Protein backbone atom coordinates (compact mmCIF):
# COMPACT_ATOMS: atom_id res chain seq x y z
CA MET A 1 165.69 171.56 236.31
CA GLN A 2 167.91 172.58 233.40
CA THR A 3 168.86 170.49 230.37
CA ASN A 4 172.23 170.99 228.67
CA MET A 5 173.92 169.41 225.67
CA ILE A 6 177.67 169.37 226.28
CA ASN A 7 180.36 168.73 223.67
CA ILE A 8 183.89 167.96 224.81
CA ASP A 9 186.49 166.28 222.61
CA GLY A 10 183.84 165.87 219.95
CA VAL A 11 181.57 163.80 222.23
CA GLU A 12 178.06 165.23 222.58
CA LEU A 13 176.29 164.23 225.79
CA TRP A 14 172.80 165.08 227.01
CA THR A 15 172.79 166.21 230.64
CA GLU A 16 170.19 167.46 233.08
CA GLU A 17 170.75 169.41 236.30
CA PHE A 18 168.50 169.72 239.38
CA GLY A 19 168.78 171.82 242.51
CA ASP A 20 170.87 174.80 243.52
CA ALA A 21 174.23 175.10 241.73
CA THR A 22 175.86 176.15 245.02
CA HIS A 23 174.90 172.89 246.76
CA PRO A 24 177.18 169.83 246.98
CA PRO A 25 177.20 168.12 243.56
CA ILE A 26 176.06 164.56 242.93
CA LEU A 27 176.71 163.01 239.52
CA LEU A 28 174.44 160.06 238.75
CA VAL A 29 176.07 157.42 236.53
CA MET A 30 173.73 154.83 235.02
CA GLY A 31 174.59 151.32 233.86
CA SER A 32 175.45 149.91 230.47
CA MET A 33 173.04 150.58 227.59
CA THR A 34 170.86 152.68 229.88
CA GLN A 35 169.59 156.25 229.58
CA GLY A 36 169.99 158.76 232.37
CA ILE A 37 166.22 159.00 232.87
CA LEU A 38 166.36 155.54 234.47
CA TRP A 39 167.35 157.55 237.53
CA PRO A 40 163.70 158.12 238.52
CA ASP A 41 162.46 161.70 238.59
CA GLU A 42 161.00 161.36 242.09
CA PHE A 43 164.23 159.91 243.47
CA VAL A 44 166.30 162.68 241.85
CA GLY A 45 163.85 165.24 243.23
CA ARG A 46 164.31 163.91 246.74
CA LEU A 47 168.08 164.39 246.50
CA ALA A 48 167.69 167.94 245.17
CA ALA A 49 165.12 168.83 247.84
CA ALA A 50 167.57 167.64 250.49
CA GLY A 51 170.14 170.22 249.38
CA ARG A 52 172.09 168.51 246.64
CA ARG A 53 172.96 169.68 243.14
CA VAL A 54 172.09 166.61 241.06
CA ILE A 55 173.27 165.91 237.52
CA ARG A 56 172.24 162.96 235.37
CA TYR A 57 173.20 162.26 231.79
CA ASP A 58 172.80 159.87 228.87
CA HIS A 59 175.83 157.72 228.07
CA ARG A 60 177.12 157.92 224.50
CA ASP A 61 175.00 155.70 222.23
CA THR A 62 171.98 156.05 224.52
CA GLY A 63 169.08 158.48 224.63
CA ARG A 64 169.79 161.94 223.25
CA SER A 65 173.56 161.69 223.43
CA ALA A 66 175.73 161.15 220.36
CA THR A 67 175.62 157.83 218.53
CA PHE A 68 178.65 156.28 216.85
CA ASP A 69 179.35 154.04 213.91
CA PHE A 70 181.40 151.55 215.89
CA GLU A 71 183.27 150.20 212.89
CA LYS A 72 184.51 153.69 212.05
CA GLN A 73 184.76 155.12 215.58
CA ARG A 74 185.71 152.29 217.89
CA TYR A 75 185.86 152.95 221.61
CA THR A 76 186.18 151.02 224.87
CA TRP A 77 184.70 151.27 228.34
CA LEU A 78 187.63 153.47 229.24
CA ASP A 79 186.18 156.05 226.83
CA ILE A 80 182.82 155.70 228.55
CA ARG A 81 184.66 156.26 231.83
CA ASP A 82 186.15 159.42 230.37
CA ASP A 83 182.64 160.62 229.54
CA VAL A 84 181.95 160.74 233.29
CA LEU A 85 184.90 163.12 233.63
CA ARG A 86 183.73 165.12 230.60
CA VAL A 87 180.43 165.80 232.37
CA LEU A 88 182.27 166.98 235.50
CA ASP A 89 184.50 169.20 233.39
CA ALA A 90 181.56 170.68 231.49
CA TYR A 91 179.96 171.73 234.77
CA GLY A 92 183.23 173.15 236.10
CA LEU A 93 183.50 170.52 238.83
CA ASP A 94 186.91 169.44 240.04
CA SER A 95 185.15 166.69 242.01
CA ALA A 96 181.70 165.39 242.89
CA HIS A 97 179.87 162.75 244.85
CA LEU A 98 179.53 159.83 242.40
CA VAL A 99 176.36 157.75 242.70
CA CYS A 100 176.54 154.83 240.28
CA HIS A 101 174.23 151.99 239.28
CA SER A 102 175.09 148.55 237.85
CA ALA A 103 177.91 148.83 235.26
CA GLY A 104 178.08 152.51 236.15
CA GLY A 105 179.42 151.25 239.47
CA LEU A 106 182.43 149.82 237.65
CA LEU A 107 183.08 153.25 236.17
CA GLY A 108 182.79 154.86 239.59
CA GLN A 109 185.14 152.34 241.17
CA LEU A 110 187.65 152.81 238.36
CA ILE A 111 187.66 156.60 238.73
CA ALA A 112 187.98 156.28 242.52
CA VAL A 113 191.05 154.08 242.00
CA GLU A 114 192.72 156.09 239.23
CA GLN A 115 191.65 159.67 239.92
CA PRO A 116 190.71 159.83 243.60
CA GLU A 117 190.83 163.63 243.62
CA ARG A 118 187.67 163.69 241.45
CA VAL A 119 185.59 161.62 243.90
CA ARG A 120 184.27 163.21 247.10
CA THR A 121 182.30 160.10 248.03
CA LEU A 122 181.35 156.98 246.11
CA THR A 123 177.98 155.22 246.17
CA VAL A 124 177.67 151.96 244.23
CA ILE A 125 174.25 150.38 243.70
CA GLY A 126 173.64 146.89 242.28
CA SER A 127 177.14 146.57 240.86
CA SER A 128 180.05 144.12 240.79
CA PRO A 129 183.60 144.49 242.12
CA LEU A 130 186.20 145.97 239.82
CA GLY A 131 188.42 143.42 238.08
CA GLU A 132 186.22 140.36 238.53
CA HIS A 133 185.06 139.83 234.90
CA GLU A 134 181.37 139.67 235.69
CA GLY A 135 180.66 139.25 231.98
CA GLU A 136 182.36 135.87 232.03
CA VAL A 137 180.24 134.80 235.00
CA LEU A 138 177.12 135.83 233.11
CA MET A 139 178.10 134.02 229.92
CA ARG A 140 178.87 130.80 231.80
CA ALA A 141 175.46 131.04 233.47
CA LEU A 142 173.66 131.62 230.16
CA THR A 143 175.45 128.73 228.46
CA GLY A 144 175.08 126.31 231.36
CA GLN A 145 178.81 126.08 232.10
CA PRO A 146 179.98 125.50 235.68
CA GLN A 147 181.39 128.47 237.56
CA PRO A 148 185.03 128.09 238.69
CA GLU A 149 185.70 128.00 242.40
CA GLY A 150 186.09 131.51 243.80
CA SER A 151 184.20 133.26 241.00
CA LEU A 152 181.46 135.80 241.63
CA PRO A 153 178.01 134.49 242.60
CA PRO A 154 176.01 133.83 239.41
CA PRO A 155 172.69 135.47 238.52
CA ARG A 156 169.48 134.04 239.92
CA PRO A 157 167.68 131.32 237.92
CA GLU A 158 164.85 133.60 236.77
CA PHE A 159 167.40 136.04 235.34
CA VAL A 160 169.24 133.26 233.50
CA GLU A 161 165.98 131.79 232.18
CA PHE A 162 164.77 135.12 230.79
CA TYR A 163 168.01 136.10 229.03
CA THR A 164 168.56 132.60 227.67
CA LYS A 165 165.13 132.89 226.04
CA MET A 166 165.87 136.40 224.75
CA ILE A 167 169.13 135.33 223.10
CA ALA A 168 167.25 132.74 221.07
CA ALA A 169 164.26 134.98 220.26
CA PRO A 170 163.92 136.83 216.93
CA PRO A 171 164.10 140.65 216.99
CA PRO A 172 160.85 142.44 217.90
CA ALA A 173 158.57 142.73 214.88
CA ASP A 174 157.27 146.21 215.73
CA ARG A 175 157.24 148.95 218.38
CA ARG A 176 154.48 147.28 220.38
CA GLU A 177 156.48 144.06 220.64
CA GLN A 178 159.62 146.05 221.49
CA VAL A 179 157.89 147.78 224.40
CA ALA A 180 156.41 144.50 225.62
CA ARG A 181 159.87 142.91 225.66
CA MET A 182 161.36 145.89 227.52
CA ILE A 183 158.60 145.62 230.12
CA GLU A 184 159.25 141.93 230.64
CA GLU A 185 162.96 142.58 231.06
CA ALA A 186 162.20 145.28 233.62
CA ARG A 187 159.88 142.87 235.45
CA VAL A 188 162.70 140.33 235.82
CA LEU A 189 165.19 142.97 236.93
CA HIS A 190 162.63 144.37 239.39
CA GLY A 191 162.75 141.15 241.39
CA THR A 192 159.97 139.11 242.90
CA ALA A 193 159.39 140.70 246.30
CA LEU A 194 157.79 144.07 245.53
CA PRO A 195 154.71 144.86 243.38
CA PHE A 196 155.56 145.69 239.77
CA ASP A 197 153.67 148.61 238.18
CA GLU A 198 153.30 147.57 234.55
CA ASP A 199 151.52 150.78 233.50
CA ALA A 200 154.27 152.98 234.94
CA GLU A 201 156.90 150.81 233.30
CA ARG A 202 155.12 151.02 229.95
CA HIS A 203 155.12 154.82 230.19
CA LEU A 204 158.84 154.81 231.03
CA GLN A 205 159.78 152.50 228.17
CA GLU A 206 157.73 154.53 225.69
CA ARG A 207 159.68 157.55 226.88
CA VAL A 208 162.96 155.66 226.41
CA LEU A 209 162.01 154.82 222.82
CA GLU A 210 160.93 158.37 222.05
CA ARG A 211 164.19 159.84 223.39
CA ALA A 212 166.55 157.46 221.60
CA ARG A 213 168.41 158.87 218.61
CA ASP A 214 169.10 155.29 217.52
CA LEU A 215 168.02 152.45 219.81
CA SER A 216 170.17 149.94 217.92
CA ALA A 217 173.31 151.87 218.98
CA LEU A 218 172.99 150.32 222.45
CA VAL A 219 174.84 147.25 221.23
CA ASN A 220 177.98 149.39 220.92
CA HIS A 221 178.37 149.19 224.70
CA ARG A 222 178.76 145.41 224.44
CA LEU A 223 181.27 145.83 221.63
CA ALA A 224 183.17 148.39 223.70
CA TYR A 225 183.32 146.03 226.67
CA ALA A 226 184.58 143.20 224.45
CA ALA A 227 187.21 145.50 222.96
CA GLY A 228 188.94 145.80 226.34
CA PRO A 229 191.22 146.63 227.92
CA ASP A 230 190.60 144.79 231.19
CA PHE A 231 189.72 146.83 234.23
CA GLU A 232 192.06 147.13 237.21
CA PRO A 233 193.15 143.99 239.13
CA THR A 234 190.97 142.77 241.96
CA ASP A 235 193.25 144.18 244.67
CA ALA A 236 192.93 147.73 243.29
CA LEU A 237 189.88 148.45 245.48
CA GLY A 238 192.10 148.38 248.54
CA GLY A 239 193.46 151.73 247.38
CA VAL A 240 190.12 153.53 247.25
CA LYS A 241 190.23 156.56 249.56
CA ALA A 242 186.73 157.97 248.97
CA PRO A 243 184.16 157.18 251.65
CA THR A 244 182.09 154.45 250.01
CA LEU A 245 178.51 153.28 250.40
CA VAL A 246 177.59 150.00 248.68
CA ILE A 247 173.90 149.21 248.19
CA GLU A 248 172.18 146.02 247.10
CA GLY A 249 168.60 144.80 247.14
CA THR A 250 167.82 141.60 249.01
CA HIS A 251 166.19 140.29 245.80
CA GLU A 252 168.96 141.31 243.37
CA PRO A 253 168.57 138.95 240.36
CA ALA A 254 171.63 139.93 238.28
CA LYS A 255 174.49 140.35 240.76
CA PRO A 256 173.40 138.75 244.04
CA GLY A 257 176.03 139.03 246.74
CA HIS A 258 178.41 141.15 244.68
CA SER A 259 177.95 144.23 246.85
CA ALA A 260 179.26 142.49 249.96
CA ILE A 261 182.48 141.70 248.07
CA ILE A 262 182.89 145.35 247.04
CA ALA A 263 182.30 146.52 250.60
CA GLU A 264 184.80 143.99 251.93
CA ARG A 265 187.53 145.13 249.53
CA ILE A 266 187.18 148.91 249.97
CA PRO A 267 188.57 150.06 253.32
CA GLY A 268 185.87 151.42 255.60
CA ALA A 269 183.05 150.89 253.08
CA GLU A 270 179.50 150.61 254.37
CA LEU A 271 177.10 147.95 253.04
CA LEU A 272 173.37 148.71 252.93
CA MET A 273 170.89 145.97 252.01
CA ILE A 274 167.44 147.24 250.98
CA ASP A 275 164.64 144.83 251.73
CA GLY A 276 162.70 143.63 248.69
CA MET A 277 164.63 145.64 246.10
CA GLY A 278 165.88 143.89 242.97
CA HIS A 279 168.23 145.36 240.38
CA MET A 280 166.05 148.36 239.56
CA LEU A 281 165.24 151.41 241.70
CA PRO A 282 161.61 150.86 242.75
CA PRO A 283 159.34 153.57 244.21
CA GLN A 284 159.12 151.62 247.45
CA ALA A 285 162.86 152.21 247.99
CA TYR A 286 163.15 155.88 247.02
CA GLU A 287 162.96 157.20 250.57
CA GLU A 288 165.49 154.75 252.00
CA LEU A 289 167.86 155.21 249.06
CA ALA A 290 167.67 159.00 249.12
CA THR A 291 168.04 159.20 252.90
CA ALA A 292 171.13 156.98 252.84
CA ILE A 293 172.74 158.90 249.97
CA VAL A 294 172.02 162.32 251.49
CA ARG A 295 173.58 161.16 254.76
CA HIS A 296 176.58 159.68 252.96
CA THR A 297 177.21 162.81 250.88
CA ALA A 298 177.05 165.15 253.88
CA ARG A 299 180.87 165.28 253.99
């Protein structure tokens, strides 16, 4: 394992590399407002032990990467997409296997559409299809508005109930309350089928707080998404050339059924449903996830 701070175009990003540098490279791309360490150490270790060079990183405004004053240095999700390419460039990689989670899956899909030469294979976990405005689906669910015919499947009721309550709640009064709220959010995202390890989650969230340069900077990702521009049209996925693996848990609370739509729109894509998994990457799924990704990236 080797940690590197990279700085390209004035953007400082924390990165971490595992495995042999001569092995096929996998770049792990996390979701919105999420640090790279949410790719679990044991899962990353399994990929490296199977003969992959694995790189994970903190998005801008998360963890140890640079934070921005959004009013003075506005950016969009296209800039966050470019950060993916900055990491590849910093490691001297013309291309890599992209393994992406949640909103990171939108970034991976976008790069596969626009710069296919950079993507050896694409793996999308717990994400939504490019161009479908999942944020609008979420907001309608949280505000009790009906979903138009043909829109993406809405989040599960327990997800809507939790975030509706969080929107109305006052900010955490102290660190203890902050950690407790982060644990409860993780419990909802974990899903209801598999046991939830509260002690392990507490340790992880304490680590997240300790690593953050400025935890409040996370909100910049929402501002960046609102700033546009829109992602590619819904038919863009038909042009994806990279072999694609789409993964969803059978108890996905945030984006249930979205993976099947992605797999249907990308020619030749494979859909893998993991029994019991929610939106997070639970220990019970590490072996199945790693085995599937190692097989998929053996190209």
